[in-house]
Amino acid sequence: MSIYKIEKEINPIIAGASFLTSIITHKPFIAGMPLAAGIEITNHCNLKCPECSSGSDILTRTRGFYDREAV
């Protein structure tokens, strides 16, 4: 078994323990890598979903599209 595979399998446990430690101590404690990452390519939406900040018009940043050159 490769080291990468072991790290990948242990990471959710480390991240979960980090979260619980933060809750118990009331202080930020970050360990492990994020379990998921999301990229929003646009914040233009006309669906008006009540849970979405873009669709419900409570978004505070300007509307636009993802710019690969800016990254």
Protein backbone atom coordinates (compact mmCIF):
# COMPACT_ATOMS: atom_id res chain seq x y z
CA MET A 1 0.00 0.00 0.00
CA SER A 2 1.45 3.37 -0.97
CA ILE A 3 1.98 6.25 1.45
CA TYR A 4 -0.41 8.41 -0.61
CA LYS A 5 -3.22 5.88 -0.20
CA ILE A 6 -2.63 5.64 3.56
CA GLU A 7 -2.65 9.45 3.91
CA LYS A 8 -5.82 9.64 1.84
CA GLU A 9 -7.59 7.12 4.06
CA ILE A 10 -6.44 8.71 7.35
CA ASN A 11 -7.15 12.32 6.33
CA PRO A 12 -10.92 12.26 7.10
CA ILE A 13 -10.13 11.07 10.63
CA ILE A 14 -7.56 13.84 11.13
CA ALA A 15 -9.93 16.49 9.74
CA GLY A 16 -12.79 15.22 11.91
CA ALA A 17 -10.61 15.24 15.04
CA SER A 18 -9.54 18.78 14.16
CA PHE A 19 -13.17 19.87 13.92
CA LEU A 20 -14.08 18.26 17.25
CA THR A 21 -11.04 19.82 18.93
CA SER A 22 -12.15 23.25 17.68
CA ILE A 23 -15.64 22.70 19.09
CA ILE A 24 -14.41 21.52 22.49
CA THR A 25 -11.72 24.19 22.97
CA HIS A 26 -13.67 27.05 21.29
CA LYS A 27 -10.44 27.90 19.47
CA PRO A 28 -9.61 27.30 15.80
CA PHE A 29 -7.56 24.16 15.25
CA ILE A 30 -6.88 23.06 11.70
CA ALA A 31 -5.26 19.76 10.76
CA GLY A 32 -5.49 17.58 7.68
CA MET A 33 -6.51 18.56 4.20
CA PRO A 34 -10.02 19.62 3.09
CA LEU A 35 -12.26 16.69 2.21
CA ALA A 36 -13.71 18.55 -0.77
CA ALA A 37 -13.13 21.72 -2.73
CA GLY A 38 -15.58 23.62 -4.87
CA ILE A 39 -15.03 26.14 -7.63
CA GLU A 40 -17.80 28.54 -8.50
CA ILE A 41 -17.38 29.36 -12.20
CA THR A 42 -20.17 31.93 -12.19
CA ASN A 43 -22.51 33.58 -9.74
CA HIS A 44 -25.13 34.45 -12.35
CA CYS A 45 -28.34 32.58 -11.60
CA ASN A 46 -32.02 33.12 -12.27
CA LEU A 47 -33.48 30.18 -10.31
CA LYS A 48 -34.19 32.12 -7.07
CA CYS A 49 -33.37 29.19 -4.74
CA PRO A 50 -34.01 30.31 -1.13
CA GLU A 51 -30.83 28.65 0.21
CA CYS A 52 -28.50 30.13 -2.41
CA SER A 53 -26.96 33.55 -1.85
CA SER A 54 -26.70 34.11 -5.60
CA GLY A 55 -30.25 33.15 -6.48
CA SER A 56 -31.90 34.90 -3.53
CA ASP A 57 -30.17 38.25 -4.29
CA ILE A 58 -28.31 38.51 -0.97
CA LEU A 59 -24.91 38.14 -2.64
CA THR A 60 -22.65 41.05 -1.67
CA ARG A 61 -19.95 40.66 -4.32
CA THR A 62 -20.36 41.73 -7.93
CA ARG A 63 -21.69 39.21 -10.41
CA GLY A 64 -19.24 37.74 -12.86
CA PHE A 65 -17.57 34.70 -14.35
CA TYR A 66 -14.47 32.73 -13.38
CA ASP A 67 -11.32 34.24 -14.86
CA ARG A 68 -8.55 31.66 -15.34
CA GLU A 69 -6.01 34.38 -16.03
CA ALA A 70 -6.58 36.03 -12.63
CA VAL A 71 -5.55 32.91 -10.70
